[in-house]
Protein backbone atom coordinates (compact mmCIF):
# COMPACT_ATOMS: atom_id res chain seq x y z
CA MET A 1 12.10 10.47 -21.67
CA LYS A 2 12.35 6.76 -21.21
CA SER A 3 8.59 6.17 -21.53
CA LYS A 4 8.36 8.01 -24.86
CA LYS A 5 11.04 5.77 -26.34
CA TYR A 6 9.25 2.72 -24.95
CA VAL A 7 5.98 3.79 -26.60
CA GLU A 8 7.78 4.43 -29.90
CA ASP A 9 9.21 0.92 -29.72
CA LEU A 10 5.75 -0.47 -29.03
CA ARG A 11 4.26 1.36 -32.01
CA SER A 12 6.78 -0.29 -34.31
CA LYS A 13 5.74 -3.79 -33.21
CA SER A 14 3.08 -5.96 -34.80
CA GLU A 15 -0.15 -6.96 -33.08
CA ALA A 16 1.18 -10.43 -32.27
CA GLU A 17 4.33 -8.98 -30.71
CA LEU A 18 2.24 -6.58 -28.63
CA LYS A 19 0.06 -9.43 -27.36
CA GLU A 20 3.18 -11.37 -26.43
CA GLU A 21 4.59 -8.34 -24.63
CA LEU A 22 1.28 -7.84 -22.80
CA VAL A 23 1.21 -11.45 -21.60
CA SER A 24 4.79 -11.14 -20.43
CA ALA A 25 4.06 -7.92 -18.52
CA LYS A 26 0.99 -9.42 -16.87
CA LYS A 27 3.01 -12.45 -15.75
CA GLU A 28 5.65 -10.12 -14.33
CA LEU A 29 2.96 -8.14 -12.48
CA PHE A 30 1.54 -11.35 -11.02
CA ASN A 31 4.99 -12.41 -9.82
CA LEU A 32 5.67 -8.99 -8.32
CA ARG A 33 2.35 -9.03 -6.46
CA PHE A 34 3.09 -12.52 -5.18
CA GLN A 35 6.53 -11.44 -3.97
CA ASN A 36 5.01 -8.38 -2.32
CA ALA A 37 2.44 -10.49 -0.49
CA THR A 38 5.16 -12.77 0.86
CA ASN A 39 7.40 -9.83 1.82
CA GLN A 40 10.11 -10.81 -0.65
CA LEU A 41 9.86 -7.71 -2.85
CA ASP A 42 12.48 -5.03 -2.22
CA ASN A 43 11.54 -2.52 -4.94
CA THR A 44 7.78 -2.02 -4.61
CA SER A 45 7.79 0.82 -7.13
CA ARG A 46 8.36 -1.80 -9.84
CA ILE A 47 4.67 -2.81 -9.49
CA LYS A 48 3.62 0.72 -10.46
CA ASP A 49 6.01 0.75 -13.42
CA VAL A 50 4.75 -2.57 -14.76
CA ARG A 51 1.11 -1.47 -14.40
CA LYS A 52 1.86 1.66 -16.41
CA ASN A 53 3.65 -0.39 -19.07
CA ILE A 54 0.60 -2.65 -19.36
CA ALA A 55 -1.58 0.41 -19.89
CA ARG A 56 0.84 1.72 -22.53
CA ILE A 57 0.78 -1.59 -24.39
CA GLU A 58 -3.02 -1.71 -24.32
CA SER A 59 -3.21 1.90 -25.51
CA VAL A 60 -0.96 1.20 -28.49
CA MET A 61 -3.05 -1.89 -29.32
CA VAL A 62 -6.21 0.25 -29.34
CA GLU A 63 -4.48 2.88 -31.52
CA GLN A 64 -3.50 0.24 -34.05
CA ALA A 65 -7.00 -1.28 -34.03
CA ASN A 66 -8.53 2.14 -34.69
CA LYS A 67 -6.13 2.80 -37.58
CA GLU A 68 -7.15 -0.44 -39.27
CA ALA A 69 -10.88 0.16 -38.79
């Protein structure tokens, strides 16, 4: 599956890279919501995908924090 590969890629990244990826995903989500509110968004399912990716990134960050502790 595509999501499993994405999570594997996330697990190989450092904490700083994950934070950068999280900020990027949150900016993308903001832009998608803005486009949706102004009726400029064609693919509304992208919002759901980005939200799930944010959750995946945060989950991997928690996993890494628990390994270190």
